[in-house]
PDB file of N, CA and C in Angstrom:
ATOM      1  N   MET A   1     172.823  90.957  34.287  1.00  0.00           N
ATOM      2  CA  MET A   1     172.856  90.858  35.505  1.00  0.00           C
ATOM      3  C   MET A   1     171.881  90.991  36.545  1.00  0.00           C
ATOM      4  N   SER A   2     171.491  90.072  37.192  1.00  0.00           N
ATOM      5  CA  SER A   2     170.716  90.304  38.077  1.00  0.00           C
ATOM      6  C   SER A   2     170.693  89.846  39.631  1.00  0.00           C
ATOM      7  N   ILE A   3     170.261  90.341  40.520  1.00  0.00           N
ATOM      8  CA  ILE A   3     170.239  89.650  41.735  1.00  0.00           C
ATOM      9  C   ILE A   3     168.972  88.532  42.080  1.00  0.00           C
ATOM     10  N   ASP A   4     169.324  87.419  42.211  1.00  0.00           N
ATOM     11  CA  ASP A   4     168.197  86.833  42.661  1.00  0.00           C
ATOM     12  C   ASP A   4     167.929  86.581  44.273  1.00  0.00           C
ATOM     13  N   HIS A   5     167.252  85.787  44.756  1.00  0.00           N
ATOM     14  CA  HIS A   5     167.079  85.526  46.079  1.00  0.00           C
ATOM     15  C   HIS A   5     167.856  84.839  46.624  1.00  0.00           C
ATOM     16  N   GLU A   6     168.586  83.869  46.139  1.00  0.00           N
ATOM     17  CA  GLU A   6     169.396  83.504  46.541  1.00  0.00           C
ATOM     18  C   GLU A   6     170.669  84.222  46.925  1.00  0.00           C
ATOM     19  N   THR A   7     171.185  85.034  46.191  1.00  0.00           N
ATOM     20  CA  THR A   7     172.031  85.847  46.247  1.00  0.00           C
ATOM     21  C   THR A   7     172.079  86.609  47.256  1.00  0.00           C
ATOM     22  N   VAL A   8     170.775  87.315  47.547  1.00  0.00           N
ATOM     23  CA  VAL A   8     170.377  88.281  48.568  1.00  0.00           C
ATOM     24  C   VAL A   8     170.398  87.319  50.062  1.00  0.00           C
ATOM     25  N   VAL A   9     170.496  86.308  50.345  1.00  0.00           N
ATOM     26  CA  VAL A   9     170.209  85.430  51.283  1.00  0.00           C
ATOM     27  C   VAL A   9     171.803  85.275  51.620  1.00  0.00           C
ATOM     28  N   LYS A  10     172.581  84.921  50.708  1.00  0.00           N
ATOM     29  CA  LYS A  10     174.149  84.697  50.952  1.00  0.00           C
ATOM     30  C   LYS A  10     174.682  85.622  51.170  1.00  0.00           C
ATOM     31  N   VAL A  11     174.451  86.684  50.565  1.00  0.00           N
ATOM     32  CA  VAL A  11     175.144  88.281  51.003  1.00  0.00           C
ATOM     33  C   VAL A  11     174.707  88.507  52.737  1.00  0.00           C
ATOM     34  N   ALA A  12     173.688  88.497  52.737  1.00  0.00           N
ATOM     35  CA  ALA A  12     173.105  88.958  54.272  1.00  0.00           C
ATOM     36  C   ALA A  12     173.861  88.017  55.013  1.00  0.00           C
ATOM     37  N   ARG A  13     173.919  86.480  54.618  1.00  0.00           N
ATOM     38  CA  ARG A  13     174.587  85.779  55.699  1.00  0.00           C
ATOM     39  C   ARG A  13     176.076  85.886  55.840  1.00  0.00           C
ATOM     40  N   LEU A  14     176.711  86.667  54.824  1.00  0.00           N
ATOM     41  CA  LEU A  14     178.128  86.557  55.037  1.00  0.00           C
ATOM     42  C   LEU A  14     178.270  88.026  55.730  1.00  0.00           C
ATOM     43  N   ALA A  15     177.531  88.798  55.319  1.00  0.00           N
ATOM     44  CA  ALA A  15     177.514  90.084  56.142  1.00  0.00           C
ATOM     45  C   ALA A  15     176.949  89.817  57.674  1.00  0.00           C
ATOM     46  N   ARG A  16     176.363  88.633  58.059  1.00  0.00           N
ATOM     47  CA  ARG A  16     175.873  88.458  59.192  1.00  0.00           C
ATOM     48  C   ARG A  16     174.691  89.573  59.650  1.00  0.00           C
ATOM     49  N   ILE A  17     173.733  89.588  58.507  1.00  0.00           N
ATOM     50  CA  ILE A  17     172.411  90.436  58.398  1.00  0.00           C
ATOM     51  C   ILE A  17     171.187  89.252  58.739  1.00  0.00           C
ATOM     52  N   LYS A  18     170.606  89.586  59.725  1.00  0.00           N
ATOM     53  CA  LYS A  18     169.290  88.680  59.865  1.00  0.00           C
ATOM     54  C   LYS A  18     168.428  89.360  58.890  1.00  0.00           C
ATOM     55  N   LEU A  19     167.745  88.960  58.040  1.00  0.00           N
ATOM     56  CA  LEU A  19     166.892  89.429  57.133  1.00  0.00           C
ATOM     57  C   LEU A  19     165.467  88.222  57.156  1.00  0.00           C
ATOM     58  N   ASP A  20     164.321  88.977  57.078  1.00  0.00           N
ATOM     59  CA  ASP A  20     163.134  88.194  57.069  1.00  0.00           C
ATOM     60  C   ASP A  20     162.641  88.032  55.714  1.00  0.00           C
ATOM     61  N   GLU A  21     162.024  87.531  55.343  1.00  0.00           N
ATOM     62  CA  GLU A  21     161.651  87.197  53.895  1.00  0.00           C
ATOM     63  C   GLU A  21     161.017  88.519  53.047  1.00  0.00           C
ATOM     64  N   LYS A  22     160.217  89.361  53.747  1.00  0.00           N
ATOM     65  CA  LYS A  22     160.192  90.710  53.296  1.00  0.00           C
ATOM     66  C   LYS A  22     161.017  91.632  52.802  1.00  0.00           C
ATOM     67  N   ASP A  23     162.041  91.523  53.827  1.00  0.00           N
ATOM     68  CA  ASP A  23     163.174  92.390  53.677  1.00  0.00           C
ATOM     69  C   ASP A  23     164.008  91.765  52.429  1.00  0.00           C
ATOM     70  N   ILE A  24     164.083  90.568  52.273  1.00  0.00           N
ATOM     71  CA  ILE A  24     165.012  89.834  51.123  1.00  0.00           C
ATOM     72  C   ILE A  24     164.220  90.235  49.895  1.00  0.00           C
ATOM     73  N   LEU A  25     163.024  90.059  50.046  1.00  0.00           N
ATOM     74  CA  LEU A  25     162.208  90.543  48.403  1.00  0.00           C
ATOM     75  C   LEU A  25     162.512  92.062  48.053  1.00  0.00           C
ATOM     76  N   ALA A  26     162.526  93.179  49.201  1.00  0.00           N
ATOM     77  CA  ALA A  26     162.966  94.398  49.310  1.00  0.00           C
ATOM     78  C   ALA A  26     164.228  94.708  48.885  1.00  0.00           C
ATOM     79  N   TYR A  27     165.122  94.003  49.457  1.00  0.00           N
ATOM     80  CA  TYR A  27     166.626  94.117  48.870  1.00  0.00           C
ATOM     81  C   TYR A  27     166.871  93.799  47.685  1.00  0.00           C
ATOM     82  N   GLU A  28     166.272  92.549  47.140  1.00  0.00           N
ATOM     83  CA  GLU A  28     166.231  92.038  45.768  1.00  0.00           C
ATOM     84  C   GLU A  28     165.561  92.896  44.838  1.00  0.00           C
ATOM     85  N   GLU A  29     164.747  93.449  45.212  1.00  0.00           N
ATOM     86  CA  GLU A  29     164.215  94.472  44.277  1.00  0.00           C
ATOM     87  C   GLU A  29     165.060  95.783  44.123  1.00  0.00           C
ATOM     88  N   ARG A  30     165.404  96.330  45.151  1.00  0.00           N
ATOM     89  CA  ARG A  30     166.436  97.419  45.273  1.00  0.00           C
ATOM     90  C   ARG A  30     167.714  97.132  44.394  1.00  0.00           C
ATOM     91  N   LEU A  31     168.376  96.186  44.525  1.00  0.00           N
ATOM     92  CA  LEU A  31     169.507  95.750  44.306  1.00  0.00           C
ATOM     93  C   LEU A  31     169.550  95.782  42.441  1.00  0.00           C
ATOM     94  N   ASN A  32     168.559  95.132  42.122  1.00  0.00           N
ATOM     95  CA  ASN A  32     168.055  95.030  40.972  1.00  0.00           C
ATOM     96  C   ASN A  32     167.959  96.371  39.944  1.00  0.00           C
ATOM     97  N   ARG A  33     167.175  97.385  41.004  1.00  0.00           N
ATOM     98  CA  ARG A  33     167.053  98.615  40.098  1.00  0.00           C
ATOM     99  C   ARG A  33     168.361  99.306  40.413  1.00  0.00           C
ATOM    100  N   ILE A  34     169.362  98.976  41.258  1.00  0.00           N
ATOM    101  CA  ILE A  34     170.526  99.890  40.954  1.00  0.00           C
ATOM    102  C   ILE A  34     171.428  99.204  39.851  1.00  0.00           C
ATOM    103  N   LEU A  35     171.373  97.747  39.821  1.00  0.00           N
ATOM    104  CA  LEU A  35     172.056  97.232  38.725  1.00  0.00           C
ATOM    105  C   LEU A  35     171.572  97.710  37.032  1.00  0.00           C
ATOM    106  N   ASP A  36     170.263  97.676  37.275  1.00  0.00           N
ATOM    107  CA  ASP A  36     169.490  98.442  35.886  1.00  0.00           C
ATOM    108  C   ASP A  36     170.255  99.823  35.610  1.00  0.00           C
ATOM    109  N   TRP A  37     170.177 100.478  36.490  1.00  0.00           N
ATOM    110  CA  TRP A  37     170.691 102.010  36.449  1.00  0.00           C
ATOM    111  C   TRP A  37     171.853 101.865  36.009  1.00  0.00           C
ATOM    112  N   ILE A  38     172.931 101.015  36.621  1.00  0.00           N
ATOM    113  CA  ILE A  38     174.397 101.011  36.375  1.00  0.00           C
ATOM    114  C   ILE A  38     174.395 100.538  34.683  1.00  0.00           C
ATOM    115  N   SER A  39     173.682  99.778  34.146  1.00  0.00           N
ATOM    116  CA  SER A  39     173.595  99.111  32.911  1.00  0.00           C
ATOM    117  C   SER A  39     172.961 100.153  31.852  1.00  0.00           C
ATOM    118  N   MET A  40     172.261 101.347  32.277  1.00  0.00           N
ATOM    119  CA  MET A  40     172.087 102.358  31.484  1.00  0.00           C
ATOM    120  C   MET A  40     173.733 103.210  30.995  1.00  0.00           C
ATOM    121  N   LEU A  41     174.346 103.252  31.939  1.00  0.00           N
ATOM    122  CA  LEU A  41     175.648 103.816  32.046  1.00  0.00           C
ATOM    123  C   LEU A  41     176.668 103.241  31.081  1.00  0.00           C
ATOM    124  N   GLU A  42     176.245 101.916  31.043  1.00  0.00           N
ATOM    125  CA  GLU A  42     177.279 101.155  29.760  1.00  0.00           C
ATOM    126  C   GLU A  42     176.894 101.503  28.123  1.00  0.00           C
ATOM    127  N   GLU A  43     175.545 101.889  28.245  1.00  0.00           N
ATOM    128  CA  GLU A  43     175.095 102.582  26.613  1.00  0.00           C
ATOM    129  C   GLU A  43     175.817 103.783  26.709  1.00  0.00           C
ATOM    130  N   VAL A  44     176.292 104.488  27.340  1.00  0.00           N
ATOM    131  CA  VAL A  44     176.935 105.925  27.060  1.00  0.00           C
ATOM    132  C   VAL A  44     178.065 105.531  25.829  1.00  0.00           C
ATOM    133  N   ASP A  45     178.165 106.484  24.736  1.00  0.00           N
ATOM    134  CA  ASP A  45     179.291 106.432  23.944  1.00  0.00           C
ATOM    135  C   ASP A  45     180.392 107.058  24.328  1.00  0.00           C
ATOM    136  N   THR A  46     181.514 106.301  24.702  1.00  0.00           N
ATOM    137  CA  THR A  46     182.688 107.260  25.603  1.00  0.00           C
ATOM    138  C   THR A  46     183.856 106.731  24.358  1.00  0.00           C
ATOM    139  N   GLN A  47     183.596 106.669  23.425  1.00  0.00           N
ATOM    140  CA  GLN A  47     184.467 106.099  22.494  1.00  0.00           C
ATOM    141  C   GLN A  47     185.460 107.300  22.193  1.00  0.00           C
ATOM    142  N   ASN A  48     185.041 108.478  21.866  1.00  0.00           N
ATOM    143  CA  ASN A  48     185.748 109.835  21.906  1.00  0.00           C
ATOM    144  C   ASN A  48     186.163 110.322  22.802  1.00  0.00           C
ATOM    145  N   VAL A  49     186.108 109.931  24.297  1.00  0.00           N
ATOM    146  CA  VAL A  49     186.303 110.525  25.617  1.00  0.00           C
ATOM    147  C   VAL A  49     187.769 110.012  26.110  1.00  0.00           C
ATOM    148  N   GLU A  50     188.831 111.099  26.475  1.00  0.00           N
ATOM    149  CA  GLU A  50     189.919 110.416  26.933  1.00  0.00           C
ATOM    150  C   GLU A  50     189.909 109.935  28.243  1.00  0.00           C
ATOM    151  N   PRO A  51     190.369 108.898  28.609  1.00  0.00           N
ATOM    152  CA  PRO A  51     190.029 108.511  30.139  1.00  0.00           C
ATOM    153  C   PRO A  51     190.473 109.550  30.766  1.00  0.00           C
ATOM    154  N   MET A  52     190.068 109.835  32.163  1.00  0.00           N
ATOM    155  CA  MET A  52     190.316 110.563  33.114  1.00  0.00           C
ATOM    156  C   MET A  52     191.118 109.742  34.349  1.00  0.00           C
ATOM    157  N   PHE A  53     192.188 110.418  34.524  1.00  0.00           N
ATOM    158  CA  PHE A  53     192.998 109.946  35.598  1.00  0.00           C
ATOM    159  C   PHE A  53     192.722 110.700  36.880  1.00  0.00           C
ATOM    160  N   SER A  54     192.753 111.689  36.975  1.00  0.00           N
ATOM    161  CA  SER A  54     192.360 112.762  38.308  1.00  0.00           C
ATOM    162  C   SER A  54     191.172 113.457  37.639  1.00  0.00           C
ATOM    163  N   VAL A  55     190.738 114.051  38.784  1.00  0.00           N
ATOM    164  CA  VAL A  55     189.632 115.531  38.710  1.00  0.00           C
ATOM    165  C   VAL A  55     190.429 116.568  38.623  1.00  0.00           C
ATOM    166  N   HIS A  56     191.759 116.630  38.991  1.00  0.00           N
ATOM    167  CA  HIS A  56     192.602 117.643  39.156  1.00  0.00           C
ATOM    168  C   HIS A  56     193.088 117.858  37.724  1.00  0.00           C
ATOM    169  N   LEU A  57     193.332 119.031  37.070  1.00  0.00           N
ATOM    170  CA  LEU A  57     193.890 118.939  35.762  1.00  0.00           C
ATOM    171  C   LEU A  57     195.432 119.401  36.002  1.00  0.00           C
ATOM    172  N   ASP A  58     195.540 120.183  36.982  1.00  0.00           N
ATOM    173  CA  ASP A  58     196.500 120.877  37.282  1.00  0.00           C
ATOM    174  C   ASP A  58     197.511 119.808  38.107  1.00  0.00           C
ATOM    175  N   HIS A  59     198.806 120.251  38.187  1.00  0.00           N
ATOM    176  CA  HIS A  59     199.687 119.568  38.845  1.00  0.00           C
ATOM    177  C   HIS A  59     199.683 119.905  40.060  1.00  0.00           C
ATOM    178  N   MET A  60     199.600 118.872  41.279  1.00  0.00           N
ATOM    179  CA  MET A  60     199.311 118.917  42.451  1.00  0.00           C
ATOM    180  C   MET A  60     200.566 118.869  42.626  1.00  0.00           C
ATOM    181  N   PRO A  61     201.200 120.059  43.712  1.00  0.00           N
ATOM    182  CA  PRO A  61     202.533 119.979  44.448  1.00  0.00           C
ATOM    183  C   PRO A  61     202.433 118.893  45.425  1.00  0.00           C
ATOM    184  N   GLN A  62     203.396 118.131  45.858  1.00  0.00           N
ATOM    185  CA  GLN A  62     203.499 117.394  46.723  1.00  0.00           C
ATOM    186  C   GLN A  62     203.935 117.990  47.992  1.00  0.00           C
ATOM    187  N   VAL A  63     203.879 117.781  49.104  1.00  0.00           N
ATOM    188  CA  VAL A  63     204.267 118.737  50.288  1.00  0.00           C
ATOM    189  C   VAL A  63     204.901 117.504  51.349  1.00  0.00           C
ATOM    190  N   ASP A  64     205.990 118.108  51.904  1.00  0.00           N
ATOM    191  CA  ASP A  64     206.679 117.108  53.019  1.00  0.00           C
ATOM    192  C   ASP A  64     205.342 116.884  54.143  1.00  0.00           C
ATOM    193  N   ASP A  65     205.280 115.743  54.799  1.00  0.00           N
ATOM    194  CA  ASP A  65     204.627 115.169  55.802  1.00  0.00           C
ATOM    195  C   ASP A  65     205.466 115.373  57.156  1.00  0.00           C
ATOM    196  N   ILE A  66     205.161 116.772  57.416  1.00  0.00           N
ATOM    197  CA  ILE A  66     205.631 117.520  58.642  1.00  0.00           C
ATOM    198  C   ILE A  66     204.825 117.360  59.856  1.00  0.00           C
ATOM    199  N   VAL A  67     204.819 117.082  61.034  1.00  0.00           N
ATOM    200  CA  VAL A  67     204.231 116.912  62.254  1.00  0.00           C
ATOM    201  C   VAL A  67     203.874 118.512  62.569  1.00  0.00           C
ATOM    202  N   THR A  68     203.152 118.992  62.521  1.00  0.00           N
ATOM    203  CA  THR A  68     202.627 120.608  62.738  1.00  0.00           C
ATOM    204  C   THR A  68     202.255 120.858  64.056  1.00  0.00           C
ATOM    205  N   GLU A  69     201.575 119.640  64.616  1.00  0.00           N
ATOM    206  CA  GLU A  69     200.985 119.827  66.232  1.00  0.00           C
ATOM    207  C   GLU A  69     201.368 118.891  67.030  1.00  0.00           C
ATOM    208  N   PRO A  70     201.319 118.968  68.104  1.00  0.00           N
ATOM    209  CA  PRO A  70     201.864 118.561  69.448  1.00  0.00           C
ATOM    210  C   PRO A  70     201.054 117.198  69.296  1.00  0.00           C
ATOM    211  N   SER A  71     201.804 116.104  69.958  1.00  0.00           N
ATOM    212  CA  SER A  71     201.200 114.622  70.321  1.00  0.00           C
ATOM    213  C   SER A  71     199.790 115.036  70.975  1.00  0.00           C
ATOM    214  N   VAL A  72     198.633 114.756  70.364  1.00  0.00           N
ATOM    215  CA  VAL A  72     197.248 114.859  71.220  1.00  0.00           C
ATOM    216  C   VAL A  72     196.675 113.620  71.658  1.00  0.00           C
ATOM    217  N   VAL A  73     197.772 112.562  71.956  1.00  0.00           N
ATOM    218  CA  VAL A  73     197.203 111.447  72.421  1.00  0.00           C
ATOM    219  C   VAL A  73     196.386 111.444  73.573  1.00  0.00           C
ATOM    220  N   ALA A  74     197.346 112.145  74.500  1.00  0.00           N
ATOM    221  CA  ALA A  74     196.593 112.342  76.213  1.00  0.00           C
ATOM    222  C   ALA A  74     195.427 112.560  76.071  1.00  0.00           C
ATOM    223  N   ALA A  75     194.927 114.167  75.131  1.00  0.00           N
ATOM    224  CA  ALA A  75     193.800 114.874  75.010  1.00  0.00           C
ATOM    225  C   ALA A  75     192.749 113.750  74.525  1.00  0.00           C
ATOM    226  N   VAL A  76     193.332 113.068  73.623  1.00  0.00           N
ATOM    227  CA  VAL A  76     192.039 112.262  72.907  1.00  0.00           C
ATOM    228  C   VAL A  76     191.644 110.931  73.565  1.00  0.00           C
ATOM    229  N   LEU A  77     192.572 110.347  74.428  1.00  0.00           N
ATOM    230  CA  LEU A  77     192.243 109.196  75.154  1.00  0.00           C
ATOM    231  C   LEU A  77     191.660 109.784  76.529  1.00  0.00           C
ATOM    232  N   ALA A  78     191.489 111.222  76.827  1.00  0.00           N
ATOM    233  CA  ALA A  78     190.965 111.502  78.228  1.00  0.00           C
ATOM    234  C   ALA A  78     189.693 111.235  78.510  1.00  0.00           C
ATOM    235  N   ASN A  79     188.810 111.047  77.261  1.00  0.00           N
ATOM    236  CA  ASN A  79     187.268 110.871  77.321  1.00  0.00           C
ATOM    237  C   ASN A  79     187.016 109.258  77.340  1.00  0.00           C
ATOM    238  N   ALA A  80     188.187 108.493  77.336  1.00  0.00           N
ATOM    239  CA  ALA A  80     187.657 107.006  76.503  1.00  0.00           C
ATOM    240  C   ALA A  80     187.430 106.297  78.088  1.00  0.00           C
ATOM    241  N   PRO A  81     186.367 105.590  77.893  1.00  0.00           N
ATOM    242  CA  PRO A  81     185.906 104.897  79.045  1.00  0.00           C
ATOM    243  C   PRO A  81     187.013 103.881  79.541  1.00  0.00           C
ATOM    244  N   GLU A  82     187.586 103.058  78.718  1.00  0.00           N
ATOM    245  CA  GLU A  82     188.315 102.316  78.739  1.00  0.00           C
ATOM    246  C   GLU A  82     190.194 102.053  77.975  1.00  0.00           C
ATOM    247  N   LYS A  83     191.246 102.261  78.411  1.00  0.00           N
ATOM    248  CA  LYS A  83     192.262 102.318  77.471  1.00  0.00           C
ATOM    249  C   LYS A  83     193.392 101.548  78.094  1.00  0.00           C
ATOM    250  N   GLU A  84     194.341 101.428  77.131  1.00  0.00           N
ATOM    251  CA  GLU A  84     195.391 100.222  77.493  1.00  0.00           C
ATOM    252  C   GLU A  84     196.631 100.886  76.545  1.00  0.00           C
ATOM    253  N   LEU A  85     197.659 101.034  76.808  1.00  0.00           N
ATOM    254  CA  LEU A  85     198.770 101.275  76.158  1.00  0.00           C
ATOM    255  C   LEU A  85     198.403 102.127  75.206  1.00  0.00           C
ATOM    256  N   ASP A  86     198.026 103.497  75.458  1.00  0.00           N
ATOM    257  CA  ASP A  86     197.466 104.463  74.677  1.00  0.00           C
ATOM    258  C   ASP A  86     196.734 104.100  73.182  1.00  0.00           C
ATOM    259  N   MET A  87     195.804 103.091  73.742  1.00  0.00           N
ATOM    260  CA  MET A  87     194.764 102.700  72.621  1.00  0.00           C
ATOM    261  C   MET A  87     193.302 102.528  73.317  1.00  0.00           C
ATOM    262  N   TYR A  88     192.365 102.542  72.515  1.00  0.00           N
ATOM    263  CA  TYR A  88     191.056 102.650  73.106  1.00  0.00           C
ATOM    264  C   TYR A  88     190.898 101.042  73.182  1.00  0.00           C
ATOM    265  N   VAL A  89     190.083 100.773  74.296  1.00  0.00           N
ATOM    266  CA  VAL A  89     189.702  99.267  74.688  1.00  0.00           C
ATOM    267  C   VAL A  89     188.389  99.315  74.184  1.00  0.00           C
ATOM    268  N   VAL A  90     187.932  98.168  73.120  1.00  0.00           N
ATOM    269  CA  VAL A  90     186.604  97.944  72.911  1.00  0.00           C
ATOM    270  C   VAL A  90     186.087  96.408  73.038  1.00  0.00           C
ATOM    271  N   PRO A  91     185.171  96.336  73.056  1.00  0.00           N
ATOM    272  CA  PRO A  91     184.463  94.976  73.228  1.00  0.00           C
ATOM    273  C   PRO A  91     184.704  94.137  71.841  1.00  0.00           C
ATOM    274  N   LYS A  92     184.883  92.933  72.086  1.00  0.00           N
ATOM    275  CA  LYS A  92     185.184  92.234  70.424  1.00  0.00           C
ATOM    276  C   LYS A  92     183.848  91.996  69.711  1.00  0.00           C
ATOM    277  N   VAL A  93     184.075  92.204  68.771  1.00  0.00           N
ATOM    278  CA  VAL A  93     182.773  92.179  67.837  1.00  0.00           C
ATOM    279  C   VAL A  93     182.943  91.162  66.614  1.00  0.00           C
ATOM    280  N   VAL A  94     183.983  90.492  66.649  1.00  0.00           N
ATOM    281  CA  VAL A  94     184.113  89.581  65.573  1.00  0.00           C
ATOM    282  C   VAL A  94     184.443  88.266  66.092  1.00  0.00           C
ATOM    283  N   GLY A  95     183.728  87.142  65.745  1.00  0.00           N
ATOM    284  CA  GLY A  95     183.799  85.690  66.610  1.00  0.00           C
ATOM    285  C   GLY A  95     185.232  85.076  66.423  1.00  0.00           C
TER     286      GLY A  95
END
């Protein structure tokens, strides 16, 4: 698999990122190098390797989800430039 010019342009458009031709070529090269590196991982023989479902081999006990601190909503919102109904008010960024 490789990334071509059109793919970089499409992804940039979907991400709403404006790229000039120089940037498109640079991203195309970088993304292809990443894919080449990933393809090297496919060559590793993992036939006799047991699948790992967790990095922790020991049993991790579950603990109850208990609130240990009082509500800090007022303290968190104290420095907000604008707030409404215990929430931050931020400018709209998605069309």
